[in-house]
Amino acid sequence: MHIPRLPLLLKIGAAIAAGVLALIVAAGLRRDDAVASLRREIRDTVSALVANEDGSAQGKGEGDDEAPPPSVLITGFRAHGKSSLVNTACRALAAEEGPLLLRAEASPPGGGSDGTRKLRRVRSVLSGVEGDIGTDDAVVELLDAPPLPEAARLTRRDIDAAINESGGNPECVVLALRCDAPTKERNAAVKRLPEISAAVREKGLNLIIVLTFKNAMRSVRQAEELIREVSFRARTDCVYFIENYTWNNNGPNLRHPPVIKNDFETHFTVLTIIRQCLEFIKLNRNQSKENRNGDQGNPEVSNPKATLEKASGTET
């Protein structure tokens, strides 16, 4: 049998290596393009939301030409990943690289302090078309709410307070729920989802559930069972798994901040969540606009006194 010469084997090996490298580069480019494309969609949607087509003020004072930026409330139980989700979203929206910049206070490993904390309003600015930071017309307002009381003590009043006292007029609610929480704690939180969902919907808002610390899921079957139960109890199909950026077990290194490599799945998922929030906000704003236009076109609705007098005359 003829044995190929060494130079020929080297050429074949080099060709295979070049082919594998080309596939890796192509896959990376496709991932980068997918994230960039989703970020552009978000930017276009935000620009359309803040632009007021009819020139009237929407949610602002008289004479303003633009609507307020979309506002999303991030809520959940203590140490379930709310602030980490805010930081992750800001990093993905701004297309940042290198060390993780914290906009919201993230609890260190172990759950952090039990002290009270105020709501933090984070204005997340989207990157421009070429990766530059955008202007104020491309901002998503993220409201990092104080943690809810533990599930065993949670009341309807606590849920209403988390929404009503946010101080930022939220237009969509995102609830962070930790996958790797102790089983008893996680089950108790899941059982409160119907009450949380009902409170959110009574305010005319949409609810999105984000299951954080995705890597804690030991199998696909376990993940499917959890998402099925969460979807059923919260009465929503908008349930996402995500692995947030968090400090490592040794805590932050202030002298040499760790350089965090952007993860495609994390960025794509968090941008998908923001895109879903914006879609809900767009639908709600359009519905509100239609209702206002309908009220203005119906003199009986715009003049309740005339409607009452007409009803009294009909009865007589």
C-alpha atoms as a PDB file:
ATOM      1  CA  MET A   1       0.000   0.000   0.000  1.00  0.00           C
ATOM      2  CA  HIS A   2       1.274   3.420  -0.924  1.00  0.00           C
ATOM      3  CA  ILE A   3       1.914   5.662   2.093  1.00  0.00           C
ATOM      4  CA  PRO A   4       1.393   9.398   1.444  1.00  0.00           C
ATOM      5  CA  ARG A   5       4.476  11.510   1.775  1.00  0.00           C
ATOM      6  CA  LEU A   6       4.919  13.760   4.808  1.00  0.00           C
ATOM      7  CA  PRO A   7       4.539  17.052   2.877  1.00  0.00           C
ATOM      8  CA  LEU A   8       1.197  15.864   1.539  1.00  0.00           C
ATOM      9  CA  LEU A   9      -0.010  14.976   5.053  1.00  0.00           C
ATOM     10  CA  LEU A  10       1.086  18.380   6.278  1.00  0.00           C
ATOM     11  CA  LYS A  11      -0.838  20.084   3.495  1.00  0.00           C
ATOM     12  CA  ILE A  12      -3.948  18.056   4.294  1.00  0.00           C
ATOM     13  CA  GLY A  13      -3.615  18.868   7.998  1.00  0.00           C
ATOM     14  CA  ALA A  14      -3.123  22.560   7.252  1.00  0.00           C
ATOM     15  CA  ALA A  15      -6.182  22.584   5.004  1.00  0.00           C
ATOM     16  CA  ILE A  16      -8.309  20.920   7.684  1.00  0.00           C
ATOM     17  CA  ALA A  17      -7.052  23.365  10.331  1.00  0.00           C
ATOM     18  CA  ALA A  18      -7.771  26.321   8.052  1.00  0.00           C
ATOM     19  CA  GLY A  19     -11.261  24.984   7.384  1.00  0.00           C
ATOM     20  CA  VAL A  20     -12.004  24.547  11.094  1.00  0.00           C
ATOM     21  CA  LEU A  21     -10.670  28.035  11.846  1.00  0.00           C
ATOM     22  CA  ALA A  22     -12.809  29.496   9.076  1.00  0.00           C
ATOM     23  CA  LEU A  23     -15.904  27.800  10.501  1.00  0.00           C
ATOM     24  CA  ILE A  24     -15.129  29.141  13.982  1.00  0.00           C
ATOM     25  CA  VAL A  25     -14.638  32.673  12.665  1.00  0.00           C
ATOM     26  CA  ALA A  26     -17.821  32.447  10.596  1.00  0.00           C
ATOM     27  CA  ALA A  27     -19.808  31.235  13.620  1.00  0.00           C
ATOM     28  CA  GLY A  28     -18.430  34.122  15.693  1.00  0.00           C
ATOM     29  CA  LEU A  29     -19.347  36.627  13.021  1.00  0.00           C
ATOM     30  CA  ARG A  30     -22.860  35.228  12.768  1.00  0.00           C
ATOM     31  CA  ARG A  31     -23.259  35.530  16.529  1.00  0.00           C
ATOM     32  CA  ASP A  32     -21.957  39.089  16.570  1.00  0.00           C
ATOM     33  CA  ASP A  33     -24.250  39.982  13.697  1.00  0.00           C
ATOM     34  CA  ALA A  34     -27.261  38.422  15.467  1.00  0.00           C
ATOM     35  CA  VAL A  35     -26.638  40.464  18.623  1.00  0.00           C
ATOM     36  CA  ALA A  36     -25.969  43.652  16.651  1.00  0.00           C
ATOM     37  CA  SER A  37     -29.120  43.128  14.593  1.00  0.00           C
ATOM     38  CA  LEU A  38     -31.240  42.663  17.714  1.00  0.00           C
ATOM     39  CA  ARG A  39     -29.675  45.775  19.249  1.00  0.00           C
ATOM     40  CA  ARG A  40     -30.554  47.781  16.130  1.00  0.00           C
ATOM     41  CA  GLU A  41     -34.163  46.568  16.344  1.00  0.00           C
ATOM     42  CA  ILE A  42     -34.318  47.731  19.953  1.00  0.00           C
ATOM     43  CA  ARG A  43     -32.848  51.119  19.056  1.00  0.00           C
ATOM     44  CA  ASP A  44     -35.347  51.616  16.217  1.00  0.00           C
ATOM     45  CA  THR A  45     -38.242  50.613  18.487  1.00  0.00           C
ATOM     46  CA  VAL A  46     -37.139  53.015  21.238  1.00  0.00           C
ATOM     47  CA  SER A  47     -36.766  55.851  18.732  1.00  0.00           C
ATOM     48  CA  ALA A  48     -40.273  55.168  17.432  1.00  0.00           C
ATOM     49  CA  LEU A  49     -41.699  55.090  20.956  1.00  0.00           C
ATOM     50  CA  VAL A  50     -40.257  58.433  22.042  1.00  0.00           C
ATOM     51  CA  ALA A  51     -41.154  60.147  18.764  1.00  0.00           C
ATOM     52  CA  ASN A  52     -44.646  61.624  18.888  1.00  0.00           C
ATOM     53  CA  GLU A  53     -46.239  61.469  15.474  1.00  0.00           C
ATOM     54  CA  ASP A  54     -49.178  63.779  16.241  1.00  0.00           C
ATOM     55  CA  GLY A  55     -47.000  66.386  18.000  1.00  0.00           C
ATOM     56  CA  SER A  56     -48.923  66.170  21.262  1.00  0.00           C
ATOM     57  CA  ALA A  57     -47.390  65.377  24.625  1.00  0.00           C
ATOM     58  CA  GLN A  58     -47.610  61.809  25.807  1.00  0.00           C
ATOM     59  CA  GLY A  59     -46.877  61.310  29.486  1.00  0.00           C
ATOM     60  CA  LYS A  60     -45.101  64.682  29.789  1.00  0.00           C
ATOM     61  CA  GLY A  61     -46.084  68.266  30.361  1.00  0.00           C
ATOM     62  CA  GLU A  62     -47.916  70.384  27.817  1.00  0.00           C
ATOM     63  CA  GLY A  63     -45.804  71.459  24.888  1.00  0.00           C
ATOM     64  CA  ASP A  64     -43.343  68.576  24.934  1.00  0.00           C
ATOM     65  CA  ASP A  65     -42.704  67.037  21.542  1.00  0.00           C
ATOM     66  CA  GLU A  66     -41.563  63.607  22.653  1.00  0.00           C
ATOM     67  CA  ALA A  67     -42.932  60.790  24.726  1.00  0.00           C
ATOM     68  CA  PRO A  68     -40.967  59.542  27.765  1.00  0.00           C
ATOM     69  CA  PRO A  69     -38.469  56.725  27.304  1.00  0.00           C
ATOM     70  CA  PRO A  70     -39.824  53.211  27.854  1.00  0.00           C
ATOM     71  CA  SER A  71     -39.679  52.206  31.513  1.00  0.00           C
ATOM     72  CA  VAL A  72     -39.266  48.636  32.796  1.00  0.00           C
ATOM     73  CA  LEU A  73     -39.572  47.643  36.458  1.00  0.00           C
ATOM     74  CA  ILE A  74     -37.182  44.877  37.581  1.00  0.00           C
ATOM     75  CA  THR A  75     -38.478  43.233  40.746  1.00  0.00           C
ATOM     76  CA  GLY A  76     -38.129  39.990  42.671  1.00  0.00           C
ATOM     77  CA  PHE A  77     -36.981  38.470  45.935  1.00  0.00           C
ATOM     78  CA  ARG A  78     -33.683  39.212  47.659  1.00  0.00           C
ATOM     79  CA  ALA A  79     -30.547  37.828  45.962  1.00  0.00           C
ATOM     80  CA  HIS A  80     -32.521  36.449  43.014  1.00  0.00           C
ATOM     81  CA  GLY A  81     -30.550  38.430  40.427  1.00  0.00           C
ATOM     82  CA  LYS A  82     -32.465  41.707  39.931  1.00  0.00           C
ATOM     83  CA  SER A  83     -29.486  44.051  40.009  1.00  0.00           C
ATOM     84  CA  SER A  84     -27.321  41.598  38.084  1.00  0.00           C
ATOM     85  CA  LEU A  85     -30.009  41.514  35.404  1.00  0.00           C
ATOM     86  CA  VAL A  86     -29.948  45.330  35.218  1.00  0.00           C
ATOM     87  CA  ASN A  87     -26.151  45.354  34.898  1.00  0.00           C
ATOM     88  CA  THR A  88     -26.273  42.623  32.267  1.00  0.00           C
ATOM     89  CA  ALA A  89     -28.905  44.505  30.249  1.00  0.00           C
ATOM     90  CA  CYS A  90     -26.909  47.737  30.386  1.00  0.00           C
ATOM     91  CA  ARG A  91     -23.773  45.941  29.203  1.00  0.00           C
ATOM     92  CA  ALA A  92     -25.593  44.296  26.301  1.00  0.00           C
ATOM     93  CA  LEU A  93     -27.471  47.448  25.244  1.00  0.00           C
ATOM     94  CA  ALA A  94     -24.307  49.573  25.304  1.00  0.00           C
ATOM     95  CA  ALA A  95     -22.207  46.878  23.559  1.00  0.00           C
ATOM     96  CA  GLU A  96     -19.539  47.132  26.245  1.00  0.00           C
ATOM     97  CA  GLU A  97     -16.325  45.149  26.425  1.00  0.00           C
ATOM     98  CA  GLY A  98     -13.783  44.537  29.195  1.00  0.00           C
ATOM     99  CA  PRO A  99     -14.433  44.886  32.944  1.00  0.00           C
ATOM    100  CA  LEU A 100     -18.047  44.799  34.088  1.00  0.00           C
ATOM    101  CA  LEU A 101     -19.375  48.259  34.918  1.00  0.00           C
ATOM    102  CA  LEU A 102     -21.983  48.201  37.679  1.00  0.00           C
ATOM    103  CA  ARG A 103     -24.971  50.538  37.342  1.00  0.00           C
ATOM    104  CA  ALA A 104     -27.019  48.827  40.039  1.00  0.00           C
ATOM    105  CA  GLU A 105     -25.885  47.443  43.384  1.00  0.00           C
ATOM    106  CA  ALA A 106     -25.322  43.712  43.025  1.00  0.00           C
ATOM    107  CA  SER A 107     -25.287  41.536  46.145  1.00  0.00           C
ATOM    108  CA  PRO A 108     -22.030  39.655  46.781  1.00  0.00           C
ATOM    109  CA  PRO A 109     -22.063  35.852  47.042  1.00  0.00           C
ATOM    110  CA  GLY A 110     -24.197  34.755  49.968  1.00  0.00           C
ATOM    111  CA  GLY A 111     -27.083  37.147  49.462  1.00  0.00           C
ATOM    112  CA  GLY A 112     -25.657  40.400  50.808  1.00  0.00           C
ATOM    113  CA  SER A 113     -27.040  42.621  53.538  1.00  0.00           C
ATOM    114  CA  ASP A 114     -30.580  42.520  54.867  1.00  0.00           C
ATOM    115  CA  GLY A 115     -30.663  46.308  55.112  1.00  0.00           C
ATOM    116  CA  THR A 116     -33.291  48.355  53.348  1.00  0.00           C
ATOM    117  CA  ARG A 117     -32.530  49.695  49.897  1.00  0.00           C
ATOM    118  CA  LYS A 118     -34.156  52.355  47.759  1.00  0.00           C
ATOM    119  CA  LEU A 119     -35.223  51.972  44.176  1.00  0.00           C
ATOM    120  CA  ARG A 120     -32.554  52.813  41.624  1.00  0.00           C
ATOM    121  CA  ARG A 121     -33.452  54.386  38.314  1.00  0.00           C
ATOM    122  CA  VAL A 122     -30.928  53.333  35.661  1.00  0.00           C
ATOM    123  CA  ARG A 123     -30.972  55.032  32.270  1.00  0.00           C
ATOM    124  CA  SER A 124     -29.474  52.481  29.911  1.00  0.00           C
ATOM    125  CA  VAL A 125     -28.195  54.177  26.756  1.00  0.00           C
ATOM    126  CA  LEU A 126     -28.051  52.069  23.611  1.00  0.00           C
ATOM    127  CA  SER A 127     -24.938  51.965  21.479  1.00  0.00           C
ATOM    128  CA  GLY A 128     -25.006  53.760  18.157  1.00  0.00           C
ATOM    129  CA  VAL A 129     -24.957  52.225  14.711  1.00  0.00           C
ATOM    130  CA  GLU A 130     -21.162  51.967  14.685  1.00  0.00           C
ATOM    131  CA  GLY A 131     -20.888  50.907  18.303  1.00  0.00           C
ATOM    132  CA  ASP A 132     -20.654  54.443  19.710  1.00  0.00           C
ATOM    133  CA  ILE A 133     -22.788  55.392  22.683  1.00  0.00           C
ATOM    134  CA  GLY A 134     -26.074  56.830  21.527  1.00  0.00           C
ATOM    135  CA  THR A 135     -27.867  59.989  22.573  1.00  0.00           C
ATOM    136  CA  ASP A 136     -30.778  60.555  24.915  1.00  0.00           C
ATOM    137  CA  ASP A 137     -33.242  59.546  22.207  1.00  0.00           C
ATOM    138  CA  ALA A 138     -32.145  55.902  22.617  1.00  0.00           C
ATOM    139  CA  VAL A 139     -32.628  55.207  26.316  1.00  0.00           C
ATOM    140  CA  VAL A 140     -34.367  52.385  28.138  1.00  0.00           C
ATOM    141  CA  GLU A 141     -35.212  53.216  31.741  1.00  0.00           C
ATOM    142  CA  LEU A 142     -34.659  50.260  34.076  1.00  0.00           C
ATOM    143  CA  LEU A 143     -36.112  50.527  37.583  1.00  0.00           C
ATOM    144  CA  ASP A 144     -34.140  48.343  40.004  1.00  0.00           C
ATOM    145  CA  ALA A 145     -36.738  47.856  42.753  1.00  0.00           C
ATOM    146  CA  PRO A 146     -36.019  46.997  46.400  1.00  0.00           C
ATOM    147  CA  PRO A 147     -36.414  43.264  47.030  1.00  0.00           C
ATOM    148  CA  LEU A 148     -39.804  41.818  47.841  1.00  0.00           C
ATOM    149  CA  PRO A 149     -40.260  40.294  51.299  1.00  0.00           C
ATOM    150  CA  GLU A 150     -39.615  36.577  51.478  1.00  0.00           C
ATOM    151  CA  ALA A 151     -42.361  34.514  49.890  1.00  0.00           C
ATOM    152  CA  ALA A 152     -43.738  33.246  53.218  1.00  0.00           C
ATOM    153  CA  ARG A 153     -44.396  36.839  54.364  1.00  0.00           C
ATOM    154  CA  LEU A 154     -45.340  38.364  51.014  1.00  0.00           C
ATOM    155  CA  THR A 155     -48.731  40.078  50.921  1.00  0.00           C
ATOM    156  CA  ARG A 156     -50.782  41.677  48.184  1.00  0.00           C
ATOM    157  CA  ARG A 157     -50.008  45.051  49.714  1.00  0.00           C
ATOM    158  CA  ASP A 158     -46.275  44.385  49.268  1.00  0.00           C
ATOM    159  CA  ILE A 159     -46.784  43.544  45.608  1.00  0.00           C
ATOM    160  CA  ASP A 160     -48.913  46.637  44.974  1.00  0.00           C
ATOM    161  CA  ALA A 161     -46.348  48.802  46.781  1.00  0.00           C
ATOM    162  CA  ALA A 162     -43.531  47.433  44.617  1.00  0.00           C
ATOM    163  CA  ILE A 163     -45.436  48.552  41.516  1.00  0.00           C
ATOM    164  CA  ASN A 164     -47.123  51.747  42.703  1.00  0.00           C
ATOM    165  CA  GLU A 165     -44.196  53.144  44.685  1.00  0.00           C
ATOM    166  CA  SER A 166     -41.611  52.565  41.990  1.00  0.00           C
ATOM    167  CA  GLY A 167     -41.717  56.278  41.219  1.00  0.00           C
ATOM    168  CA  GLY A 168     -40.940  55.741  37.563  1.00  0.00           C
ATOM    169  CA  ASN A 169     -44.325  54.970  36.017  1.00  0.00           C
ATOM    170  CA  PRO A 170     -43.318  51.476  34.847  1.00  0.00           C
ATOM    171  CA  GLU A 171     -44.853  50.206  31.631  1.00  0.00           C
ATOM    172  CA  CYS A 172     -43.765  46.576  31.939  1.00  0.00           C
ATOM    173  CA  VAL A 173     -42.721  44.352  34.860  1.00  0.00           C
ATOM    174  CA  VAL A 174     -39.887  41.818  34.873  1.00  0.00           C
ATOM    175  CA  LEU A 175     -39.715  39.385  37.788  1.00  0.00           C
ATOM    176  CA  ALA A 176     -36.346  37.726  38.504  1.00  0.00           C
ATOM    177  CA  LEU A 177     -36.603  34.228  39.974  1.00  0.00           C
ATOM    178  CA  ARG A 178     -33.477  32.326  40.975  1.00  0.00           C
ATOM    179  CA  CYS A 179     -33.058  28.766  39.658  1.00  0.00           C
ATOM    180  CA  ASP A 180     -30.483  27.680  42.228  1.00  0.00           C
ATOM    181  CA  ALA A 181     -32.364  28.952  45.282  1.00  0.00           C
ATOM    182  CA  PRO A 182     -33.012  26.314  47.985  1.00  0.00           C
ATOM    183  CA  THR A 183     -35.875  24.059  46.914  1.00  0.00           C
ATOM    184  CA  LYS A 184     -38.196  25.173  49.715  1.00  0.00           C
ATOM    185  CA  GLU A 185     -37.542  28.858  49.027  1.00  0.00           C
ATOM    186  CA  ARG A 186     -37.932  28.462  45.276  1.00  0.00           C
ATOM    187  CA  ASN A 187     -41.174  26.474  45.581  1.00  0.00           C
ATOM    188  CA  ALA A 188     -42.602  29.103  47.934  1.00  0.00           C
ATOM    189  CA  ALA A 189     -41.727  31.846  45.436  1.00  0.00           C
ATOM    190  CA  VAL A 190     -43.262  29.931  42.532  1.00  0.00           C
ATOM    191  CA  LYS A 191     -46.495  29.423  44.485  1.00  0.00           C
ATOM    192  CA  ARG A 192     -46.847  33.208  44.851  1.00  0.00           C
ATOM    193  CA  LEU A 193     -46.681  33.782  41.105  1.00  0.00           C
ATOM    194  CA  PRO A 194     -50.490  33.779  40.563  1.00  0.00           C
ATOM    195  CA  GLU A 195     -50.876  36.577  43.104  1.00  0.00           C
ATOM    196  CA  ILE A 196     -47.995  38.571  41.638  1.00  0.00           C
ATOM    197  CA  SER A 197     -49.306  38.083  38.106  1.00  0.00           C
ATOM    198  CA  ALA A 198     -52.821  39.174  39.073  1.00  0.00           C
ATOM    199  CA  ALA A 199     -51.509  42.343  40.756  1.00  0.00           C
ATOM    200  CA  VAL A 200     -49.433  43.273  37.716  1.00  0.00           C
ATOM    201  CA  ARG A 201     -52.275  42.717  35.271  1.00  0.00           C
ATOM    202  CA  GLU A 202     -54.707  44.737  37.381  1.00  0.00           C
ATOM    203  CA  LYS A 203     -52.400  47.696  36.725  1.00  0.00           C
ATOM    204  CA  GLY A 204     -52.746  47.095  32.991  1.00  0.00           C
ATOM    205  CA  LEU A 205     -49.136  45.896  32.739  1.00  0.00           C
ATOM    206  CA  ASN A 206     -47.509  42.795  31.270  1.00  0.00           C
ATOM    207  CA  LEU A 207     -45.369  40.386  33.280  1.00  0.00           C
ATOM    208  CA  ILE A 208     -42.164  38.705  32.109  1.00  0.00           C
ATOM    209  CA  ILE A 209     -40.467  36.027  34.222  1.00  0.00           C
ATOM    210  CA  VAL A 210     -36.672  35.697  34.065  1.00  0.00           C
ATOM    211  CA  LEU A 211     -35.190  32.546  35.608  1.00  0.00           C
ATOM    212  CA  THR A 212     -31.660  33.544  36.625  1.00  0.00           C
ATOM    213  CA  PHE A 213     -28.575  31.371  37.271  1.00  0.00           C
ATOM    214  CA  LYS A 214     -29.446  29.107  34.386  1.00  0.00           C
ATOM    215  CA  ASN A 215     -26.372  26.898  34.875  1.00  0.00           C
ATOM    216  CA  ALA A 216     -27.910  25.552  38.080  1.00  0.00           C
ATOM    217  CA  MET A 217     -30.267  23.431  35.969  1.00  0.00           C
ATOM    218  CA  ARG A 218     -28.877  19.879  36.042  1.00  0.00           C
ATOM    219  CA  SER A 219     -30.738  18.643  32.977  1.00  0.00           C
ATOM    220  CA  VAL A 220     -32.954  19.749  30.130  1.00  0.00           C
ATOM    221  CA  ARG A 221     -35.859  17.863  31.675  1.00  0.00           C
ATOM    222  CA  GLN A 222     -35.506  19.745  34.964  1.00  0.00           C
ATOM    223  CA  ALA A 223     -35.424  23.050  33.078  1.00  0.00           C
ATOM    224  CA  GLU A 224     -38.522  22.128  31.070  1.00  0.00           C
ATOM    225  CA  GLU A 225     -40.439  21.139  34.208  1.00  0.00           C
ATOM    226  CA  LEU A 226     -39.555  24.418  35.922  1.00  0.00           C
ATOM    227  CA  ILE A 227     -40.495  26.592  32.973  1.00  0.00           C
ATOM    228  CA  ARG A 228     -43.761  24.665  32.549  1.00  0.00           C
ATOM    229  CA  GLU A 229     -44.741  25.215  36.198  1.00  0.00           C
ATOM    230  CA  VAL A 230     -43.716  28.887  36.149  1.00  0.00           C
ATOM    231  CA  SER A 231     -45.639  29.526  32.920  1.00  0.00           C
ATOM    232  CA  PHE A 232     -48.753  27.827  34.315  1.00  0.00           C
ATOM    233  CA  ARG A 233     -48.756  29.679  37.635  1.00  0.00           C
ATOM    234  CA  ALA A 234     -47.863  33.089  36.194  1.00  0.00           C
ATOM    235  CA  ARG A 235     -50.267  32.652  33.250  1.00  0.00           C
ATOM    236  CA  THR A 236     -47.648  33.792  30.749  1.00  0.00           C
ATOM    237  CA  ASP A 237     -45.535  32.338  27.965  1.00  0.00           C
ATOM    238  CA  CYS A 238     -42.884  35.020  28.451  1.00  0.00           C
ATOM    239  CA  VAL A 239     -40.445  32.999  30.569  1.00  0.00           C
ATOM    240  CA  TYR A 240     -36.695  33.117  29.928  1.00  0.00           C
ATOM    241  CA  PHE A 241     -33.590  31.426  31.313  1.00  0.00           C
ATOM    242  CA  ILE A 242     -30.436  33.517  31.698  1.00  0.00           C
ATOM    243  CA  GLU A 243     -27.006  33.303  33.280  1.00  0.00           C
ATOM    244  CA  ASN A 244     -26.279  36.799  34.617  1.00  0.00           C
ATOM    245  CA  TYR A 245     -22.874  38.372  35.049  1.00  0.00           C
ATOM    246  CA  THR A 246     -22.031  38.109  38.753  1.00  0.00           C
ATOM    247  CA  TRP A 247     -18.971  38.394  40.943  1.00  0.00           C
ATOM    248  CA  ASN A 248     -16.940  35.233  41.327  1.00  0.00           C
ATOM    249  CA  ASN A 249     -16.688  33.415  44.664  1.00  0.00           C
ATOM    250  CA  ASN A 250     -13.592  35.408  45.630  1.00  0.00           C
ATOM    251  CA  GLY A 251     -15.410  38.694  45.272  1.00  0.00           C
ATOM    252  CA  PRO A 252     -14.365  41.725  43.192  1.00  0.00           C
ATOM    253  CA  ASN A 253     -10.698  42.541  42.702  1.00  0.00           C
ATOM    254  CA  LEU A 254     -10.577  46.330  42.939  1.00  0.00           C
ATOM    255  CA  ARG A 255      -6.934  46.613  41.907  1.00  0.00           C
ATOM    256  CA  HIS A 256      -7.273  44.368  38.897  1.00  0.00           C
ATOM    257  CA  PRO A 257     -10.933  44.169  37.817  1.00  0.00           C
ATOM    258  CA  PRO A 258     -11.589  40.914  35.996  1.00  0.00           C
ATOM    259  CA  VAL A 259     -11.950  41.227  32.233  1.00  0.00           C
ATOM    260  CA  ILE A 260     -15.270  39.566  31.469  1.00  0.00           C
ATOM    261  CA  LYS A 261     -15.761  38.016  28.077  1.00  0.00           C
ATOM    262  CA  ASN A 262     -19.157  38.758  26.608  1.00  0.00           C
ATOM    263  CA  ASP A 263     -21.258  35.642  26.304  1.00  0.00           C
ATOM    264  CA  PHE A 264     -23.392  35.380  23.160  1.00  0.00           C
ATOM    265  CA  GLU A 265     -26.239  33.468  24.793  1.00  0.00           C
ATOM    266  CA  THR A 266     -26.425  35.859  27.755  1.00  0.00           C
ATOM    267  CA  HIS A 267     -26.420  38.977  25.581  1.00  0.00           C
ATOM    268  CA  PHE A 268     -28.859  37.578  23.047  1.00  0.00           C
ATOM    269  CA  THR A 269     -31.265  36.469  25.776  1.00  0.00           C
ATOM    270  CA  VAL A 270     -31.230  39.744  27.711  1.00  0.00           C
ATOM    271  CA  LEU A 271     -31.720  41.728  24.493  1.00  0.00           C
ATOM    272  CA  THR A 272     -34.614  39.445  23.591  1.00  0.00           C
ATOM    273  CA  ILE A 273     -36.166  40.177  27.000  1.00  0.00           C
ATOM    274  CA  ILE A 274     -35.801  43.933  26.471  1.00  0.00           C
ATOM    275  CA  ARG A 275     -37.240  43.593  22.971  1.00  0.00           C
ATOM    276  CA  GLN A 276     -40.279  41.757  24.383  1.00  0.00           C
ATOM    277  CA  CYS A 277     -40.763  44.481  27.002  1.00  0.00           C
ATOM    278  CA  LEU A 278     -40.688  47.145  24.295  1.00  0.00           C
ATOM    279  CA  GLU A 279     -43.235  45.238  22.241  1.00  0.00           C
ATOM    280  CA  PHE A 280     -45.634  45.202  25.193  1.00  0.00           C
ATOM    281  CA  ILE A 281     -44.997  48.894  25.834  1.00  0.00           C
ATOM    282  CA  LYS A 282     -45.660  49.744  22.186  1.00  0.00           C
ATOM    283  CA  LEU A 283     -48.968  47.862  22.235  1.00  0.00           C
ATOM    284  CA  ASN A 284     -50.045  49.549  25.469  1.00  0.00           C
ATOM    285  CA  ARG A 285     -49.144  53.021  24.217  1.00  0.00           C
ATOM    286  CA  ASN A 286     -50.968  52.461  20.943  1.00  0.00           C
ATOM    287  CA  GLN A 287     -54.020  51.251  22.853  1.00  0.00           C
ATOM    288  CA  SER A 288     -53.912  54.304  25.113  1.00  0.00           C
ATOM    289  CA  LYS A 289     -53.599  56.571  22.104  1.00  0.00           C
ATOM    290  CA  GLU A 290     -56.594  54.923  20.413  1.00  0.00           C
ATOM    291  CA  ASN A 291     -58.636  55.281  23.596  1.00  0.00           C
ATOM    292  CA  ARG A 292     -57.779  58.982  23.845  1.00  0.00           C
ATOM    293  CA  ASN A 293     -58.624  59.569  20.204  1.00  0.00           C
ATOM    294  CA  GLY A 294     -61.891  57.678  20.632  1.00  0.00           C
ATOM    295  CA  ASP A 295     -62.819  59.735  23.675  1.00  0.00           C
ATOM    296  CA  GLN A 296     -62.073  62.981  21.830  1.00  0.00           C
ATOM    297  CA  GLY A 297     -64.207  61.899  18.864  1.00  0.00           C
ATOM    298  CA  ASN A 298     -67.185  60.971  21.055  1.00  0.00           C
ATOM    299  CA  PRO A 299     -68.774  64.116  22.552  1.00  0.00           C
ATOM    300  CA  GLU A 300     -70.790  62.048  24.996  1.00  0.00           C
ATOM    301  CA  VAL A 301     -67.634  60.457  26.437  1.00  0.00           C
ATOM    302  CA  SER A 302     -65.791  63.773  26.577  1.00  0.00           C
ATOM    303  CA  ASN A 303     -68.782  65.439  28.265  1.00  0.00           C
ATOM    304  CA  PRO A 304     -70.067  63.141  31.047  1.00  0.00           C
ATOM    305  CA  LYS A 305     -72.625  65.745  32.183  1.00  0.00           C
ATOM    306  CA  ALA A 306     -74.298  65.793  28.767  1.00  0.00           C
ATOM    307  CA  THR A 307     -74.387  62.024  28.751  1.00  0.00           C
ATOM    308  CA  LEU A 308     -76.089  61.971  32.166  1.00  0.00           C
ATOM    309  CA  GLU A 309     -78.667  64.555  31.113  1.00  0.00           C
ATOM    310  CA  LYS A 310     -79.426  62.609  27.949  1.00  0.00           C
ATOM    311  CA  ALA A 311     -79.897  59.411  29.913  1.00  0.00           C
ATOM    312  CA  SER A 312     -82.247  61.186  32.376  1.00  0.00           C
ATOM    313  CA  GLY A 313     -84.329  62.570  29.500  1.00  0.00           C
ATOM    314  CA  THR A 314     -84.621  59.144  27.906  1.00  0.00           C
ATOM    315  CA  GLU A 315     -85.951  57.638  31.128  1.00  0.00           C
ATOM    316  CA  THR A 316     -88.662  60.299  31.443  1.00  0.00           C
END
